[in-house]
C-alpha cells in the first residue's frame, strides 16, 4: 500500500512498511526502482511521464544516486 504525504518537509510517495496492532503505520520512502517498476509495463500519458520522472528523481536523491 502506498500513501502520499503533502507536508512540505516530508512530501512524497511512501510505502506502508508495517501496520502495528495499535493501528500505527510505519512508512518508508519509495525507491527509484519501485517508481520505474510502476510505470515500466504500460503506456503513460505526458502528465504521467512527468510525474514518474519527478518521483524517480526525488527517490534517487534520497538514495544518493
PDB file of N, CA and C in Angstrom:
ATOM      1  N   UNK A   1       0.849  -1.158   0.000  1.00  0.00           N
ATOM      2  CA  UNK A   1       0.000   0.000   0.000  1.00  0.00           C
ATOM      3  C   UNK A   1       0.902   1.230   0.000  1.00  0.00           C
ATOM      4  N   UNK A   2       0.511   2.248  -0.768  1.00  0.00           N
ATOM      5  CA  UNK A   2       1.271   3.485  -0.833  1.00  0.00           C
ATOM      6  C   UNK A   2       0.432   4.634  -0.318  1.00  0.00           C
ATOM      7  N   UNK A   3       1.099   5.647   0.218  1.00  0.00           N
ATOM      8  CA  UNK A   3       0.439   6.867   0.657  1.00  0.00           C
ATOM      9  C   UNK A   3       1.239   8.051   0.141  1.00  0.00           C
ATOM     10  N   UNK A   4       0.554   9.177  -0.008  1.00  0.00           N
ATOM     11  CA  UNK A   4       1.198  10.405  -0.436  1.00  0.00           C
ATOM     12  C   UNK A   4       1.108  11.407   0.701  1.00  0.00           C
ATOM     13  N   UNK A   5       2.249  11.957   1.091  1.00  0.00           N
ATOM     14  CA  UNK A   5       2.283  12.998   2.114  1.00  0.00           C
ATOM     15  C   UNK A   5       2.524  14.331   1.418  1.00  0.00           C
ATOM     16  N   UNK A   6       1.835  15.371   1.869  1.00  0.00           N
ATOM     17  CA  UNK A   6       1.959  16.687   1.237  1.00  0.00           C
ATOM     18  C   UNK A   6       2.609  17.726   2.138  1.00  0.00           C
ATOM     19  N   UNK A   7       2.901  17.369   3.363  1.00  0.00           N
ATOM     20  CA  UNK A   7       3.579  18.300   4.272  1.00  0.00           C
ATOM     21  C   UNK A   7       4.953  18.629   3.679  1.00  0.00           C
ATOM     22  N   UNK A   8       5.282  19.918   3.480  1.00  0.00           N
ATOM     23  CA  UNK A   8       6.489  20.285   2.734  1.00  0.00           C
ATOM     24  C   UNK A   8       7.784  19.567   3.137  1.00  0.00           C
ATOM     25  N   UNK A   9       8.049  19.395   4.393  1.00  0.00           N
ATOM     26  CA  UNK A   9       9.326  18.793   4.808  1.00  0.00           C
ATOM     27  C   UNK A   9       9.403  17.287   4.557  1.00  0.00           C
ATOM     28  N   UNK A  10       8.259  16.637   4.355  1.00  0.00           N
ATOM     29  CA  UNK A  10       8.243  15.184   4.142  1.00  0.00           C
ATOM     30  C   UNK A  10       7.414  14.778   2.930  1.00  0.00           C
ATOM     31  N   UNK A  11       7.098  15.730   2.066  1.00  0.00           N
ATOM     32  CA  UNK A  11       6.238  15.458   0.913  1.00  0.00           C
ATOM     33  C   UNK A  11       6.833  14.370   0.038  1.00  0.00           C
ATOM     34  N   UNK A  12       5.951  13.519  -0.463  1.00  0.00           N
ATOM     35  CA  UNK A  12       6.394  12.473  -1.374  1.00  0.00           C
ATOM     36  C   UNK A  12       5.553  11.227  -1.242  1.00  0.00           C
ATOM     37  N   UNK A  13       5.963  10.215  -2.001  1.00  0.00           N
ATOM     38  CA  UNK A  13       5.286   8.921  -2.007  1.00  0.00           C
ATOM     39  C   UNK A  13       5.987   7.991  -1.019  1.00  0.00           C
ATOM     40  N   UNK A  14       5.196   7.289  -0.227  1.00  0.00           N
ATOM     41  CA  UNK A  14       5.722   6.368   0.765  1.00  0.00           C
ATOM     42  C   UNK A  14       5.028   5.016   0.653  1.00  0.00           C
ATOM     43  N   UNK A  15       5.728   3.994   1.079  1.00  0.00           N
ATOM     44  CA  UNK A  15       5.194   2.641   1.128  1.00  0.00           C
ATOM     45  C   UNK A  15       4.928   2.314   2.590  1.00  0.00           C
ATOM     46  N   UNK A  16       3.781   1.698   2.874  1.00  0.00           N
ATOM     47  CA  UNK A  16       3.494   1.253   4.236  1.00  0.00           C
ATOM     48  C   UNK A  16       4.339   0.007   4.487  1.00  0.00           C
ATOM     49  N   UNK A  17       5.336   0.152   5.356  1.00  0.00           N
ATOM     50  CA  UNK A  17       6.254  -0.945   5.639  1.00  0.00           C
ATOM     51  C   UNK A  17       5.705  -1.881   6.717  1.00  0.00           C
ATOM     52  N   UNK A  18       4.870  -1.323   7.594  1.00  0.00           N
ATOM     53  CA  UNK A  18       4.335  -2.123   8.705  1.00  0.00           C
ATOM     54  C   UNK A  18       3.087  -1.443   9.234  1.00  0.00           C
ATOM     55  N   UNK A  19       2.110  -2.240   9.628  1.00  0.00           N
ATOM     56  CA  UNK A  19       0.953  -1.729  10.341  1.00  0.00           C
ATOM     57  C   UNK A  19       0.913  -2.437  11.682  1.00  0.00           C
ATOM     58  N   UNK A  20       1.096  -1.679  12.731  1.00  0.00           N
ATOM     59  CA  UNK A  20       1.163  -2.250  14.079  1.00  0.00           C
ATOM     60  C   UNK A  20      -0.223  -2.502  14.640  1.00  0.00           C
ATOM     61  N   UNK A  21      -0.265  -3.297  15.702  1.00  0.00           N
ATOM     62  CA  UNK A  21      -1.546  -3.681  16.305  1.00  0.00           C
ATOM     63  C   UNK A  21      -2.373  -2.486  16.745  1.00  0.00           C
ATOM     64  N   UNK A  22      -1.706  -1.404  17.172  1.00  0.00           N
ATOM     65  CA  UNK A  22      -2.439  -0.220  17.631  1.00  0.00           C
ATOM     66  C   UNK A  22      -2.880   0.680  16.469  1.00  0.00           C
ATOM     67  N   UNK A  23      -2.636   0.241  15.231  1.00  0.00           N
ATOM     68  CA  UNK A  23      -3.039   1.000  14.059  1.00  0.00           C
ATOM     69  C   UNK A  23      -1.966   1.939  13.522  1.00  0.00           C
ATOM     70  N   UNK A  24      -0.861   2.075  14.247  1.00  0.00           N
ATOM     71  CA  UNK A  24       0.233   2.928  13.795  1.00  0.00           C
ATOM     72  C   UNK A  24       0.826   2.378  12.506  1.00  0.00           C
ATOM     73  N   UNK A  25       1.076   3.266  11.551  1.00  0.00           N
ATOM     74  CA  UNK A  25       1.702   2.867  10.296  1.00  0.00           C
ATOM     75  C   UNK A  25       3.174   3.271  10.310  1.00  0.00           C
ATOM     76  N   UNK A  26       4.018   2.382   9.852  1.00  0.00           N
ATOM     77  CA  UNK A  26       5.430   2.677   9.667  1.00  0.00           C
ATOM     78  C   UNK A  26       5.632   2.852   8.167  1.00  0.00           C
ATOM     79  N   UNK A  27       6.115   4.030   7.780  1.00  0.00           N
ATOM     80  CA  UNK A  27       6.290   4.341   6.365  1.00  0.00           C
ATOM     81  C   UNK A  27       7.759   4.367   5.995  1.00  0.00           C
ATOM     82  N   UNK A  28       8.033   4.037   4.726  1.00  0.00           N
ATOM     83  CA  UNK A  28       9.372   4.210   4.187  1.00  0.00           C
ATOM     84  C   UNK A  28       9.226   4.855   2.823  1.00  0.00           C
ATOM     85  N   UNK A  29      10.174   5.705   2.445  1.00  0.00           N
ATOM     86  CA  UNK A  29      10.075   6.339   1.128  1.00  0.00           C
ATOM     87  C   UNK A  29      10.152   5.299   0.019  1.00  0.00           C
ATOM     88  N   UNK A  30       9.424   5.542  -1.079  1.00  0.00           N
ATOM     89  CA  UNK A  30       9.532   4.626  -2.213  1.00  0.00           C
ATOM     90  C   UNK A  30      10.925   4.745  -2.820  1.00  0.00           C
ATOM     91  N   UNK A  31      11.379   3.677  -3.435  1.00  0.00           N
ATOM     92  CA  UNK A  31      12.689   3.676  -4.075  1.00  0.00           C
ATOM     93  C   UNK A  31      12.551   4.028  -5.551  1.00  0.00           C
ATOM     94  N   UNK A  32      13.649   4.446  -6.143  1.00  0.00           N
ATOM     95  CA  UNK A  32      13.608   4.770  -7.578  1.00  0.00           C
ATOM     96  C   UNK A  32      13.254   3.528  -8.390  1.00  0.00           C
ATOM     97  N   UNK A  33      13.714   2.364  -7.959  1.00  0.00           N
ATOM     98  CA  UNK A  33      13.372   1.121  -8.669  1.00  0.00           C
ATOM     99  C   UNK A  33      11.872   0.843  -8.625  1.00  0.00           C
ATOM    100  N   UNK A  34      11.226   1.150  -7.504  1.00  0.00           N
ATOM    101  CA  UNK A  34       9.777   0.951  -7.395  1.00  0.00           C
ATOM    102  C   UNK A  34       9.017   1.889  -8.341  1.00  0.00           C
ATOM    103  N   UNK A  35       9.507   3.118  -8.474  1.00  0.00           N
ATOM    104  CA  UNK A  35       8.865   4.060  -9.395  1.00  0.00           C
ATOM    105  C   UNK A  35       8.988   3.540 -10.827  1.00  0.00           C
ATOM    106  N   UNK A  36      10.185   3.108 -11.197  1.00  0.00           N
ATOM    107  CA  UNK A  36      10.404   2.577 -12.544  1.00  0.00           C
ATOM    108  C   UNK A  36       9.492   1.384 -12.799  1.00  0.00           C
ATOM    109  N   UNK A  37       9.416   0.481 -11.834  1.00  0.00           N
ATOM    110  CA  UNK A  37       8.585  -0.717 -11.978  1.00  0.00           C
ATOM    111  C   UNK A  37       7.116  -0.363 -12.165  1.00  0.00           C
ATOM    112  N   UNK A  38       6.656   0.653 -11.454  1.00  0.00           N
ATOM    113  CA  UNK A  38       5.249   1.040 -11.532  1.00  0.00           C
ATOM    114  C   UNK A  38       4.870   1.522 -12.929  1.00  0.00           C
ATOM    115  N   UNK A  39       5.771   2.187 -13.615  1.00  0.00           N
ATOM    116  CA  UNK A  39       5.447   2.779 -14.909  1.00  0.00           C
ATOM    117  C   UNK A  39       6.000   2.005 -16.105  1.00  0.00           C
ATOM    118  N   UNK A  40       6.871   1.057 -15.889  1.00  0.00           N
ATOM    119  CA  UNK A  40       7.590   0.405 -16.988  1.00  0.00           C
ATOM    120  C   UNK A  40       6.720  -0.493 -17.865  1.00  0.00           C
ATOM    121  N   UNK A  41       5.686  -1.068 -17.316  1.00  0.00           N
ATOM    122  CA  UNK A  41       4.945  -2.095 -18.056  1.00  0.00           C
ATOM    123  C   UNK A  41       3.687  -1.580 -18.751  1.00  0.00           C
ATOM    124  N   UNK A  42       3.537  -0.252 -18.860  1.00  0.00           N
ATOM    125  CA  UNK A  42       2.327   0.267 -19.506  1.00  0.00           C
ATOM    126  C   UNK A  42       2.618   1.590 -20.206  1.00  0.00           C
ATOM    127  N   UNK A  43       1.743   1.945 -21.106  1.00  0.00           N
ATOM    128  CA  UNK A  43       1.836   3.242 -21.769  1.00  0.00           C
ATOM    129  C   UNK A  43       1.424   4.319 -20.772  1.00  0.00           C
ATOM    130  N   UNK A  44       2.076   5.470 -20.840  1.00  0.00           N
ATOM    131  CA  UNK A  44       1.741   6.564 -19.931  1.00  0.00           C
ATOM    132  C   UNK A  44       1.457   7.828 -20.731  1.00  0.00           C
ATOM    133  N   UNK A  45       0.639   8.679 -20.144  1.00  0.00           N
ATOM    134  CA  UNK A  45       0.348   9.973 -20.759  1.00  0.00           C
ATOM    135  C   UNK A  45       1.523  10.913 -20.488  1.00  0.00           C
ATOM    136  N   UNK A  46       1.512  12.054 -21.114  1.00  0.00           N
ATOM    137  CA  UNK A  46       2.564  13.038 -20.887  1.00  0.00           C
ATOM    138  C   UNK A  46       2.650  13.461 -19.429  1.00  0.00           C
ATOM    139  N   UNK A  47       1.481  13.681 -18.809  1.00  0.00           N
ATOM    140  CA  UNK A  47       1.455  14.084 -17.399  1.00  0.00           C
ATOM    141  C   UNK A  47       2.007  12.972 -16.503  1.00  0.00           C
ATOM    142  N   UNK A  48       1.649  11.716 -16.802  1.00  0.00           N
ATOM    143  CA  UNK A  48       2.161  10.594 -16.013  1.00  0.00           C
ATOM    144  C   UNK A  48       3.666  10.444 -16.186  1.00  0.00           C
ATOM    145  N   UNK A  49       4.163  10.697 -17.379  1.00  0.00           N
ATOM    146  CA  UNK A  49       5.600  10.623 -17.611  1.00  0.00           C
ATOM    147  C   UNK A  49       6.330  11.662 -16.782  1.00  0.00           C
ATOM    148  N   UNK A  50       5.822  12.878 -16.769  1.00  0.00           N
ATOM    149  CA  UNK A  50       6.447  13.936 -15.964  1.00  0.00           C
ATOM    150  C   UNK A  50       6.406  13.567 -14.492  1.00  0.00           C
ATOM    151  N   UNK A  51       5.256  13.091 -14.012  1.00  0.00           N
ATOM    152  CA  UNK A  51       5.140  12.686 -12.609  1.00  0.00           C
ATOM    153  C   UNK A  51       6.129  11.571 -12.278  1.00  0.00           C
ATOM    154  N   UNK A  52       6.244  10.581 -13.159  1.00  0.00           N
ATOM    155  CA  UNK A  52       7.141   9.460 -12.880  1.00  0.00           C
ATOM    156  C   UNK A  52       8.594   9.919 -12.832  1.00  0.00           C
ATOM    157  N   UNK A  53       8.966  10.829 -13.722  1.00  0.00           N
ATOM    158  CA  UNK A  53      10.342  11.324 -13.727  1.00  0.00           C
ATOM    159  C   UNK A  53      10.643  12.145 -12.482  1.00  0.00           C
ATOM    160  N   UNK A  54       9.676  12.951 -12.041  1.00  0.00           N
ATOM    161  CA  UNK A  54       9.861  13.731 -10.814  1.00  0.00           C
ATOM    162  C   UNK A  54       9.995  12.816  -9.604  1.00  0.00           C
ATOM    163  N   UNK A  55       9.130  11.798  -9.518  1.00  0.00           N
ATOM    164  CA  UNK A  55       9.193  10.862  -8.391  1.00  0.00           C
ATOM    165  C   UNK A  55      10.486  10.063  -8.412  1.00  0.00           C
ATOM    166  N   UNK A  56      10.909   9.645  -9.606  1.00  0.00           N
ATOM    167  CA  UNK A  56      12.157   8.890  -9.708  1.00  0.00           C
ATOM    168  C   UNK A  56      13.338   9.757  -9.299  1.00  0.00           C
ATOM    169  N   UNK A  57      13.333  11.010  -9.714  1.00  0.00           N
ATOM    170  CA  UNK A  57      14.408  11.926  -9.359  1.00  0.00           C
ATOM    171  C   UNK A  57      14.484  12.119  -7.837  1.00  0.00           C
ATOM    172  N   UNK A  58      13.336  12.356  -7.202  1.00  0.00           N
ATOM    173  CA  UNK A  58      13.312  12.547  -5.746  1.00  0.00           C
ATOM    174  C   UNK A  58      13.786  11.286  -5.021  1.00  0.00           C
ATOM    175  N   UNK A  59      13.349  10.135  -5.480  1.00  0.00           N
ATOM    176  CA  UNK A  59      13.773   8.879  -4.854  1.00  0.00           C
ATOM    177  C   UNK A  59      15.264   8.668  -5.025  1.00  0.00           C
ATOM    178  N   UNK A  60      15.782   8.964  -6.206  1.00  0.00           N
ATOM    179  CA  UNK A  60      17.218   8.799  -6.466  1.00  0.00           C
ATOM    180  C   UNK A  60      18.033   9.735  -5.583  1.00  0.00           C
ATOM    181  N   UNK A  61      17.550  10.958  -5.370  1.00  0.00           N
ATOM    182  CA  UNK A  61      18.264  11.878  -4.480  1.00  0.00           C
ATOM    183  C   UNK A  61      18.323  11.332  -3.053  1.00  0.00           C
ATOM    184  N   UNK A  62      17.196  10.772  -2.582  1.00  0.00           N
ATOM    185  CA  UNK A  62      17.180  10.193  -1.226  1.00  0.00           C
ATOM    186  C   UNK A  62      18.146   9.027  -1.125  1.00  0.00           C
ATOM    187  N   UNK A  63      18.305   8.286  -2.237  1.00  0.00           N
ATOM    188  CA  UNK A  63      19.183   7.115  -2.248  1.00  0.00           C
ATOM    189  C   UNK A  63      20.651   7.487  -2.489  1.00  0.00           C
ATOM    190  N   UNK A  64      20.907   8.755  -2.754  1.00  0.00           N
ATOM    191  CA  UNK A  64      22.278   9.196  -3.006  1.00  0.00           C
ATOM    192  C   UNK A  64      22.782   8.830  -4.387  1.00  0.00           C
ATOM    193  N   UNK A  65      21.876   8.648  -5.320  1.00  0.00           N
ATOM    194  CA  UNK A  65      22.264   8.306  -6.697  1.00  0.00           C
ATOM    195  C   UNK A  65      22.473   9.555  -7.507  1.00  0.00           C
TER     196      UNK A  65
END
